[in-house]
């Protein structure tokens, strides 16, 4: 697969990983421990036929977002993309997982860096999904981040651990 300039730029754009995102003020919002490629468990939902663009794979995530006040909210979303497209050709499982994680972490860093204690976490989650879809589409033509997971795909639940889920203690 030849990498176009756009593909290289998208990989560079998505290359930033998130370790935590904090807000300033009386309480903080955290997304603990960056999403990893293993969190993106893709399932083939439409079989690819031949070597032409086609096929479709989907993953489902429920990612916990915690505040140091003990508030915990699960941001639920799907990740879907072609198995092969005209821009990149065949997209391997490793590429799909790696780029999905990198782009999600970049979107989380950008989205949650602006969160304040007054920002409802659900609103921040929706903003994350919007930015994540834009970022992922720049990396993989045809990718999308639906608000609802594909039917029959079990979610991977990513729960923050440590002091952020116990009221900041």
N, C-alpha and C. Protein backbone atom coordinates (compact mmCIF):
# COMPACT_ATOMS: atom_id res chain seq x y z
N UNK A 1 0.85 -1.18 0.00
CA UNK A 1 0.00 0.00 0.00
C UNK A 1 0.89 1.23 0.00
N UNK A 2 0.75 2.11 -0.98
CA UNK A 2 1.50 3.35 -1.01
C UNK A 2 0.86 4.40 -0.13
N UNK A 3 1.67 5.12 0.60
CA UNK A 3 1.13 6.14 1.51
C UNK A 3 1.15 7.48 0.80
N UNK A 4 0.00 8.11 0.71
CA UNK A 4 -0.09 9.43 0.09
C UNK A 4 0.34 10.49 1.09
N UNK A 5 0.54 11.71 0.61
CA UNK A 5 0.88 12.82 1.50
C UNK A 5 -0.21 13.05 2.53
N UNK A 6 -1.46 12.90 2.11
CA UNK A 6 -2.59 13.07 3.04
C UNK A 6 -2.54 12.01 4.13
N UNK A 7 -2.25 10.78 3.75
CA UNK A 7 -2.17 9.67 4.71
C UNK A 7 -1.08 9.95 5.73
N UNK A 8 0.10 10.39 5.26
CA UNK A 8 1.21 10.69 6.17
C UNK A 8 0.85 11.83 7.10
N UNK A 9 0.19 12.86 6.58
CA UNK A 9 -0.21 13.99 7.41
C UNK A 9 -1.22 13.56 8.46
N UNK A 10 -2.14 12.69 8.08
CA UNK A 10 -3.15 12.22 9.04
C UNK A 10 -2.51 11.38 10.13
N UNK A 11 -1.53 10.55 9.78
CA UNK A 11 -0.85 9.73 10.78
C UNK A 11 -0.10 10.65 11.74
N UNK A 12 0.56 11.69 11.21
CA UNK A 12 1.27 12.64 12.06
C UNK A 12 0.30 13.37 12.97
N UNK A 13 -0.82 13.82 12.42
CA UNK A 13 -1.84 14.52 13.20
C UNK A 13 -2.36 13.64 14.32
N UNK A 14 -2.54 12.37 14.07
CA UNK A 14 -3.11 11.46 15.05
C UNK A 14 -2.07 10.84 15.97
N UNK A 15 -0.80 11.17 15.82
CA UNK A 15 0.25 10.51 16.56
C UNK A 15 0.37 10.87 18.03
N UNK A 16 -0.38 11.85 18.53
CA UNK A 16 -0.26 12.26 19.92
C UNK A 16 -1.10 11.36 20.81
N UNK A 17 -0.51 10.83 21.87
CA UNK A 17 -1.24 9.98 22.82
C UNK A 17 -1.62 10.79 24.04
N UNK A 18 -2.67 10.37 24.71
CA UNK A 18 -3.19 11.07 25.87
C UNK A 18 -2.88 10.27 27.12
N UNK A 19 -2.30 10.90 28.11
CA UNK A 19 -2.14 10.21 29.39
C UNK A 19 -3.19 10.69 30.37
N UNK A 20 -3.53 11.95 30.36
CA UNK A 20 -4.67 12.44 31.12
C UNK A 20 -5.02 13.82 30.62
N UNK A 21 -6.28 14.21 30.76
CA UNK A 21 -6.73 15.53 30.38
C UNK A 21 -7.36 16.16 31.60
N UNK A 22 -6.86 17.31 32.01
CA UNK A 22 -7.32 17.92 33.25
C UNK A 22 -7.90 19.29 32.96
N UNK A 23 -8.87 19.68 33.73
CA UNK A 23 -9.43 21.02 33.66
C UNK A 23 -8.90 21.81 34.83
N UNK A 24 -8.89 23.11 34.68
CA UNK A 24 -8.47 23.95 35.79
C UNK A 24 -9.68 24.30 36.63
N UNK A 25 -9.45 24.71 37.85
CA UNK A 25 -10.55 25.10 38.71
C UNK A 25 -10.68 24.16 39.88
N UNK A 26 -11.86 24.18 40.51
CA UNK A 26 -12.09 23.44 41.74
C UNK A 26 -12.13 21.93 41.57
N UNK A 27 -12.47 21.44 40.40
CA UNK A 27 -12.45 19.99 40.17
C UNK A 27 -11.84 19.75 38.81
N UNK A 28 -11.42 18.54 38.58
CA UNK A 28 -10.78 18.21 37.32
C UNK A 28 -11.51 17.05 36.67
N UNK A 29 -11.40 16.98 35.36
CA UNK A 29 -11.96 15.87 34.58
C UNK A 29 -10.79 15.09 34.01
N UNK A 30 -10.83 13.77 34.14
CA UNK A 30 -9.72 12.94 33.70
C UNK A 30 -10.19 11.88 32.72
N UNK A 31 -9.36 11.63 31.74
CA UNK A 31 -9.51 10.45 30.90
C UNK A 31 -8.24 9.68 31.18
N UNK A 32 -8.35 8.66 32.03
CA UNK A 32 -7.17 7.96 32.54
C UNK A 32 -6.61 6.98 31.52
N UNK A 33 -5.29 6.91 31.49
CA UNK A 33 -4.61 5.90 30.71
C UNK A 33 -5.09 5.83 29.30
N UNK A 34 -4.39 6.43 28.40
CA UNK A 34 -4.77 6.54 27.00
C UNK A 34 -5.46 5.29 26.46
N UNK A 35 -6.37 5.51 25.53
CA UNK A 35 -6.96 4.37 24.84
C UNK A 35 -5.86 3.68 24.05
N UNK A 36 -5.89 2.39 24.08
CA UNK A 36 -4.86 1.59 23.42
C UNK A 36 -5.48 0.89 22.20
N UNK A 37 -4.67 0.51 21.25
CA UNK A 37 -5.20 -0.22 20.09
C UNK A 37 -6.03 -1.44 20.49
N UNK A 38 -5.65 -2.14 21.56
CA UNK A 38 -6.40 -3.33 21.99
C UNK A 38 -7.83 -3.03 22.42
N UNK A 39 -8.13 -1.78 22.76
CA UNK A 39 -9.49 -1.41 23.13
C UNK A 39 -10.44 -1.38 21.93
N UNK A 40 -9.88 -1.30 20.73
CA UNK A 40 -10.67 -1.22 19.51
C UNK A 40 -10.78 -2.62 18.90
N UNK A 41 -11.77 -3.36 19.34
CA UNK A 41 -11.99 -4.73 18.90
C UNK A 41 -12.95 -4.68 17.70
N UNK A 42 -12.37 -4.73 16.51
CA UNK A 42 -13.16 -4.63 15.29
C UNK A 42 -13.73 -5.99 14.89
N UNK A 43 -14.94 -5.94 14.37
CA UNK A 43 -15.63 -7.12 13.85
C UNK A 43 -16.04 -6.82 12.42
N UNK A 44 -15.89 -7.80 11.56
CA UNK A 44 -16.32 -7.64 10.18
C UNK A 44 -17.84 -7.68 10.15
N UNK A 45 -18.46 -6.62 9.65
CA UNK A 45 -19.92 -6.59 9.56
C UNK A 45 -20.40 -6.73 8.11
N UNK A 46 -19.52 -6.40 7.15
CA UNK A 46 -19.79 -6.63 5.73
C UNK A 46 -18.52 -7.20 5.13
N UNK A 47 -18.63 -8.39 4.58
CA UNK A 47 -17.45 -9.08 4.02
C UNK A 47 -16.94 -8.34 2.79
N UNK A 48 -15.62 -8.26 2.69
CA UNK A 48 -15.01 -7.69 1.50
C UNK A 48 -14.97 -8.75 0.42
N UNK A 49 -15.29 -8.35 -0.78
CA UNK A 49 -15.27 -9.29 -1.91
C UNK A 49 -14.22 -8.83 -2.91
N UNK A 50 -13.27 -9.70 -3.18
CA UNK A 50 -12.22 -9.37 -4.14
C UNK A 50 -11.23 -8.37 -3.58
N UNK A 51 -10.51 -7.72 -4.50
CA UNK A 51 -9.48 -6.77 -4.09
C UNK A 51 -9.93 -5.33 -4.25
N UNK A 52 -11.17 -5.12 -4.64
CA UNK A 52 -11.70 -3.77 -4.82
C UNK A 52 -12.09 -3.19 -3.46
N UNK A 53 -12.23 -1.84 -3.41
CA UNK A 53 -12.71 -1.23 -2.16
C UNK A 53 -14.03 -1.86 -1.73
N UNK A 54 -14.18 -2.05 -0.44
CA UNK A 54 -15.41 -2.61 0.08
C UNK A 54 -15.20 -3.27 1.44
N UNK A 55 -16.24 -3.86 1.92
CA UNK A 55 -16.23 -4.47 3.24
C UNK A 55 -16.36 -3.40 4.31
N UNK A 56 -16.70 -3.83 5.51
CA UNK A 56 -16.93 -2.88 6.59
C UNK A 56 -16.63 -3.55 7.92
N UNK A 57 -15.96 -2.82 8.81
CA UNK A 57 -15.69 -3.34 10.15
C UNK A 57 -16.13 -2.31 11.19
N UNK A 58 -16.48 -2.82 12.37
CA UNK A 58 -17.00 -1.95 13.42
C UNK A 58 -16.50 -2.38 14.78
N UNK A 59 -16.34 -1.39 15.66
CA UNK A 59 -15.98 -1.61 17.06
C UNK A 59 -16.93 -0.78 17.91
N UNK A 60 -17.01 -1.10 19.20
CA UNK A 60 -17.89 -0.38 20.12
C UNK A 60 -17.13 -0.13 21.42
N UNK A 61 -17.17 1.11 21.90
CA UNK A 61 -16.49 1.45 23.15
C UNK A 61 -17.42 2.21 24.09
N UNK A 62 -17.26 1.94 25.37
CA UNK A 62 -17.87 2.71 26.45
C UNK A 62 -16.70 3.17 27.31
N UNK A 63 -16.32 4.43 27.19
CA UNK A 63 -15.13 4.95 27.85
C UNK A 63 -15.53 5.81 29.05
N UNK A 64 -15.03 5.44 30.21
CA UNK A 64 -15.33 6.17 31.43
C UNK A 64 -14.55 7.47 31.50
N UNK A 65 -15.28 8.53 31.83
CA UNK A 65 -14.68 9.84 32.06
C UNK A 65 -15.01 10.19 33.50
N UNK A 66 -13.98 10.45 34.30
CA UNK A 66 -14.18 10.69 35.73
C UNK A 66 -13.75 12.10 36.10
N UNK A 67 -14.43 12.65 37.07
CA UNK A 67 -14.01 13.91 37.68
C UNK A 67 -13.46 13.58 39.06
N UNK A 68 -12.62 14.45 39.57
CA UNK A 68 -12.05 14.18 40.89
C UNK A 68 -13.09 14.33 42.01
N UNK A 69 -14.30 14.71 41.65
CA UNK A 69 -15.40 14.76 42.62
C UNK A 69 -16.04 13.39 42.80
N UNK A 70 -15.64 12.43 41.97
CA UNK A 70 -16.22 11.10 42.01
C UNK A 70 -17.24 10.86 40.91
N UNK A 71 -17.63 11.92 40.20
CA UNK A 71 -18.59 11.77 39.09
C UNK A 71 -17.95 10.93 37.99
N UNK A 72 -18.71 9.95 37.49
CA UNK A 72 -18.24 9.07 36.43
C UNK A 72 -19.30 9.00 35.35
N UNK A 73 -18.90 9.19 34.11
CA UNK A 73 -19.81 9.17 32.97
C UNK A 73 -19.18 8.29 31.90
N UNK A 74 -19.99 7.43 31.28
CA UNK A 74 -19.49 6.59 30.20
C UNK A 74 -19.86 7.21 28.86
N UNK A 75 -18.85 7.57 28.10
CA UNK A 75 -19.02 8.10 26.75
C UNK A 75 -19.09 6.90 25.82
N UNK A 76 -20.23 6.71 25.19
CA UNK A 76 -20.49 5.52 24.37
C UNK A 76 -20.47 5.90 22.89
N UNK A 77 -19.72 5.11 22.10
CA UNK A 77 -19.64 5.40 20.68
C UNK A 77 -19.17 4.17 19.92
N UNK A 78 -19.45 4.19 18.63
CA UNK A 78 -18.96 3.15 17.74
C UNK A 78 -17.84 3.72 16.89
N UNK A 79 -17.09 2.83 16.29
CA UNK A 79 -16.04 3.20 15.34
C UNK A 79 -16.23 2.26 14.16
N UNK A 80 -16.42 2.83 12.98
CA UNK A 80 -16.66 2.02 11.79
C UNK A 80 -15.79 2.51 10.65
N UNK A 81 -15.36 1.56 9.81
CA UNK A 81 -14.53 1.93 8.67
C UNK A 81 -14.55 0.82 7.62
N UNK A 82 -14.17 1.20 6.39
CA UNK A 82 -14.07 0.18 5.35
C UNK A 82 -12.90 -0.76 5.60
N UNK A 83 -13.02 -1.97 5.10
CA UNK A 83 -11.91 -2.91 5.15
C UNK A 83 -10.90 -2.54 4.06
N UNK A 84 -11.39 -2.00 2.96
CA UNK A 84 -10.53 -1.47 1.90
C UNK A 84 -11.24 -0.27 1.29
N UNK A 85 -10.47 0.76 0.99
CA UNK A 85 -11.06 1.93 0.34
C UNK A 85 -10.18 2.35 -0.83
N UNK A 86 -10.65 3.30 -1.60
CA UNK A 86 -9.90 3.75 -2.76
C UNK A 86 -8.67 4.57 -2.41
N UNK A 87 -8.68 5.25 -1.28
CA UNK A 87 -7.58 6.13 -0.89
C UNK A 87 -6.37 5.37 -0.34
N UNK A 88 -6.62 4.41 0.57
CA UNK A 88 -5.52 3.70 1.22
C UNK A 88 -5.39 2.25 0.80
N UNK A 89 -6.36 1.72 0.09
CA UNK A 89 -6.35 0.30 -0.25
C UNK A 89 -6.81 -0.51 0.94
N UNK A 90 -6.23 -1.68 1.13
CA UNK A 90 -6.61 -2.55 2.25
C UNK A 90 -6.16 -1.92 3.57
N UNK A 91 -7.04 -1.96 4.55
CA UNK A 91 -6.74 -1.44 5.88
C UNK A 91 -6.64 -2.64 6.81
N UNK A 92 -5.44 -2.91 7.29
CA UNK A 92 -5.24 -4.07 8.15
C UNK A 92 -5.86 -3.81 9.52
N UNK A 93 -6.09 -4.88 10.25
CA UNK A 93 -6.64 -4.76 11.60
C UNK A 93 -5.71 -3.91 12.46
N UNK A 94 -4.41 -4.12 12.33
CA UNK A 94 -3.43 -3.36 13.11
C UNK A 94 -3.50 -1.87 12.80
N UNK A 95 -3.63 -1.52 11.52
CA UNK A 95 -3.77 -0.12 11.13
C UNK A 95 -5.05 0.47 11.69
N UNK A 96 -6.15 -0.27 11.55
CA UNK A 96 -7.44 0.21 12.05
C UNK A 96 -7.38 0.48 13.54
N UNK A 97 -6.81 -0.45 14.29
CA UNK A 97 -6.73 -0.30 15.74
C UNK A 97 -5.79 0.84 16.14
N UNK A 98 -4.62 0.88 15.53
CA UNK A 98 -3.63 1.89 15.88
C UNK A 98 -4.12 3.30 15.56
N UNK A 99 -4.64 3.49 14.36
CA UNK A 99 -5.12 4.82 13.98
C UNK A 99 -6.37 5.21 14.78
N UNK A 100 -7.23 4.26 15.07
CA UNK A 100 -8.42 4.55 15.88
C UNK A 100 -8.02 5.05 17.27
N UNK A 101 -7.06 4.37 17.88
CA UNK A 101 -6.60 4.77 19.21
C UNK A 101 -5.89 6.12 19.17
N UNK A 102 -4.99 6.31 18.22
CA UNK A 102 -4.25 7.57 18.13
C UNK A 102 -5.19 8.76 17.90
N UNK A 103 -6.14 8.58 16.99
CA UNK A 103 -7.07 9.67 16.70
C UNK A 103 -8.01 9.93 17.87
N UNK A 104 -8.43 8.89 18.58
CA UNK A 104 -9.29 9.08 19.76
C UNK A 104 -8.54 9.84 20.85
N UNK A 105 -7.28 9.49 21.06
CA UNK A 105 -6.50 10.17 22.08
C UNK A 105 -6.25 11.63 21.72
N UNK A 106 -6.00 11.90 20.45
CA UNK A 106 -5.83 13.28 20.00
C UNK A 106 -7.12 14.06 20.20
N UNK A 107 -8.23 13.48 19.82
CA UNK A 107 -9.52 14.16 19.99
C UNK A 107 -9.83 14.39 21.47
N UNK A 108 -9.51 13.42 22.31
CA UNK A 108 -9.75 13.58 23.76
C UNK A 108 -8.89 14.70 24.33
N UNK A 109 -7.62 14.73 23.92
CA UNK A 109 -6.73 15.77 24.42
C UNK A 109 -7.26 17.16 24.06
N UNK A 110 -7.64 17.33 22.81
CA UNK A 110 -8.15 18.62 22.36
C UNK A 110 -9.48 18.96 23.04
N UNK A 111 -10.39 18.00 23.08
CA UNK A 111 -11.72 18.25 23.63
C UNK A 111 -11.69 18.51 25.13
N UNK A 112 -11.03 17.63 25.87
CA UNK A 112 -11.10 17.71 27.33
C UNK A 112 -10.16 18.75 27.92
N UNK A 113 -9.24 19.27 27.13
CA UNK A 113 -8.37 20.33 27.66
C UNK A 113 -9.16 21.61 27.92
N UNK A 114 -10.30 21.77 27.25
CA UNK A 114 -11.12 22.96 27.43
C UNK A 114 -12.27 22.78 28.41
N UNK A 115 -12.37 21.61 29.01
CA UNK A 115 -13.47 21.33 29.93
C UNK A 115 -13.23 22.08 31.25
N UNK A 116 -14.29 22.68 31.76
CA UNK A 116 -14.23 23.35 33.06
C UNK A 116 -15.11 22.59 34.03
N UNK A 117 -15.03 22.88 35.32
CA UNK A 117 -15.91 22.21 36.28
C UNK A 117 -17.39 22.41 35.98
N UNK A 118 -17.72 23.48 35.27
CA UNK A 118 -19.12 23.75 34.94
C UNK A 118 -19.59 23.02 33.69
N UNK A 119 -18.68 22.44 32.91
CA UNK A 119 -19.04 21.75 31.68
C UNK A 119 -19.65 20.40 32.00
N UNK A 120 -20.89 20.15 31.55
CA UNK A 120 -21.45 18.80 31.74
C UNK A 120 -20.62 17.78 30.97
N UNK A 121 -20.30 16.67 31.61
CA UNK A 121 -19.46 15.66 30.97
C UNK A 121 -20.15 15.11 29.71
N UNK A 122 -21.47 14.98 29.73
CA UNK A 122 -22.19 14.49 28.55
C UNK A 122 -21.99 15.39 27.35
N UNK A 123 -21.97 16.71 27.56
CA UNK A 123 -21.72 17.66 26.47
C UNK A 123 -20.29 17.48 25.96
N UNK A 124 -19.34 17.34 26.88
CA UNK A 124 -17.95 17.13 26.48
C UNK A 124 -17.81 15.84 25.67
N UNK A 125 -18.54 14.80 26.06
CA UNK A 125 -18.53 13.53 25.33
C UNK A 125 -19.00 13.74 23.89
N UNK A 126 -20.08 14.47 23.71
CA UNK A 126 -20.61 14.72 22.35
C UNK A 126 -19.62 15.51 21.52
N UNK A 127 -18.97 16.50 22.12
CA UNK A 127 -17.95 17.27 21.41
C UNK A 127 -16.77 16.38 21.03
N UNK A 128 -16.38 15.49 21.95
CA UNK A 128 -15.31 14.54 21.66
C UNK A 128 -15.66 13.70 20.43
N UNK A 129 -16.88 13.15 20.39
CA UNK A 129 -17.26 12.27 19.28
C UNK A 129 -17.23 13.02 17.95
N UNK A 130 -17.66 14.27 17.96
CA UNK A 130 -17.63 15.08 16.74
C UNK A 130 -16.20 15.30 16.27
N UNK A 131 -15.32 15.69 17.18
CA UNK A 131 -13.93 15.94 16.81
C UNK A 131 -13.22 14.63 16.44
N UNK A 132 -13.55 13.56 17.15
CA UNK A 132 -12.95 12.26 16.85
C UNK A 132 -13.30 11.83 15.42
N UNK A 133 -14.54 11.99 15.03
CA UNK A 133 -14.92 11.60 13.68
C UNK A 133 -14.15 12.40 12.63
N UNK A 134 -14.00 13.71 12.84
CA UNK A 134 -13.24 14.53 11.90
C UNK A 134 -11.79 14.07 11.81
N UNK A 135 -11.20 13.77 12.95
CA UNK A 135 -9.81 13.33 13.01
C UNK A 135 -9.63 11.97 12.34
N UNK A 136 -10.54 11.03 12.65
CA UNK A 136 -10.45 9.69 12.09
C UNK A 136 -10.68 9.69 10.58
N UNK A 137 -11.64 10.52 10.12
CA UNK A 137 -11.90 10.60 8.67
C UNK A 137 -10.69 11.14 7.92
N UNK A 138 -9.90 12.02 8.57
CA UNK A 138 -8.69 12.54 7.94
C UNK A 138 -7.64 11.44 7.79
N UNK A 139 -7.67 10.47 8.68
CA UNK A 139 -6.71 9.37 8.63
C UNK A 139 -7.15 8.23 7.74
N UNK A 140 -8.46 7.92 7.76
CA UNK A 140 -9.00 6.79 6.99
C UNK A 140 -10.25 7.24 6.26
N UNK A 141 -10.15 7.34 4.96
CA UNK A 141 -11.29 7.77 4.15
C UNK A 141 -12.47 6.83 4.36
N UNK A 142 -13.62 7.39 4.66
CA UNK A 142 -14.83 6.60 4.85
C UNK A 142 -15.10 6.20 6.28
N UNK A 143 -14.16 6.44 7.19
CA UNK A 143 -14.37 6.07 8.60
C UNK A 143 -15.44 6.97 9.21
N UNK A 144 -16.09 6.46 10.24
CA UNK A 144 -17.10 7.26 10.95
C UNK A 144 -17.18 6.83 12.41
N UNK A 145 -17.74 7.72 13.21
CA UNK A 145 -17.90 7.50 14.64
C UNK A 145 -19.38 7.70 14.97
N UNK A 146 -20.17 6.64 14.82
CA UNK A 146 -21.60 6.78 15.12
C UNK A 146 -21.85 6.85 16.62
N UNK A 147 -22.92 7.52 16.99
CA UNK A 147 -23.29 7.65 18.41
C UNK A 147 -23.79 6.33 18.98
N UNK A 148 -24.26 5.45 18.11
CA UNK A 148 -24.78 4.15 18.53
C UNK A 148 -23.93 3.08 17.86
N UNK A 149 -23.57 2.07 18.62
CA UNK A 149 -22.74 0.98 18.09
C UNK A 149 -23.53 0.12 17.11
N UNK A 150 -22.81 -0.49 16.19
CA UNK A 150 -23.43 -1.41 15.24
C UNK A 150 -24.10 -2.55 16.01
N UNK A 151 -25.26 -2.96 15.52
CA UNK A 151 -26.03 -4.00 16.18
C UNK A 151 -25.21 -5.28 16.30
N UNK A 152 -25.23 -5.86 17.50
CA UNK A 152 -24.56 -7.13 17.75
C UNK A 152 -23.10 -7.01 18.15
N UNK A 153 -22.55 -5.81 18.15
CA UNK A 153 -21.14 -5.62 18.53
C UNK A 153 -21.09 -5.33 20.03
N UNK A 154 -20.41 -6.19 20.77
CA UNK A 154 -20.28 -6.01 22.22
C UNK A 154 -19.33 -4.86 22.52
N UNK A 155 -19.69 -3.99 23.45
CA UNK A 155 -18.79 -2.87 23.77
C UNK A 155 -17.58 -3.31 24.60
N UNK A 156 -16.49 -2.63 24.38
CA UNK A 156 -15.32 -2.74 25.26
C UNK A 156 -15.48 -1.60 26.25
N UNK A 157 -15.54 -1.94 27.52
CA UNK A 157 -15.73 -0.94 28.57
C UNK A 157 -14.37 -0.59 29.14
N UNK A 158 -14.05 0.70 29.10
CA UNK A 158 -12.78 1.20 29.61
C UNK A 158 -13.12 2.09 30.81
N UNK A 159 -12.79 1.60 32.01
CA UNK A 159 -13.13 2.30 33.24
C UNK A 159 -11.88 2.91 33.86
N UNK A 160 -11.94 4.19 34.21
CA UNK A 160 -10.80 4.79 34.91
C UNK A 160 -10.58 4.08 36.24
N UNK A 161 -9.33 4.00 36.65
CA UNK A 161 -9.00 3.38 37.92
C UNK A 161 -8.26 4.38 38.79
N UNK A 162 -8.14 4.06 40.06
CA UNK A 162 -7.36 4.91 40.96
C UNK A 162 -8.19 5.98 41.62
N UNK A 163 -7.52 7.06 42.07
CA UNK A 163 -8.15 8.06 42.89
C UNK A 163 -9.26 8.85 42.20
N UNK A 164 -9.27 8.88 40.85
CA UNK A 164 -10.27 9.70 40.16
C UNK A 164 -11.67 9.13 40.30
N UNK A 165 -11.81 7.85 40.61
CA UNK A 165 -13.15 7.27 40.76
C UNK A 165 -13.58 7.18 42.20
N UNK A 166 -12.76 7.71 43.12
CA UNK A 166 -13.14 7.65 44.54
C UNK A 166 -13.17 9.05 45.16
N UNK A 167 -13.64 10.01 44.38
CA UNK A 167 -13.81 11.35 44.91
C UNK A 167 -12.52 12.12 45.11
N UNK A 168 -11.47 11.73 44.43
CA UNK A 168 -10.22 12.48 44.48
C UNK A 168 -9.34 12.12 45.66
N UNK A 169 -9.65 11.06 46.39
CA UNK A 169 -8.82 10.67 47.53
C UNK A 169 -7.57 9.98 47.11
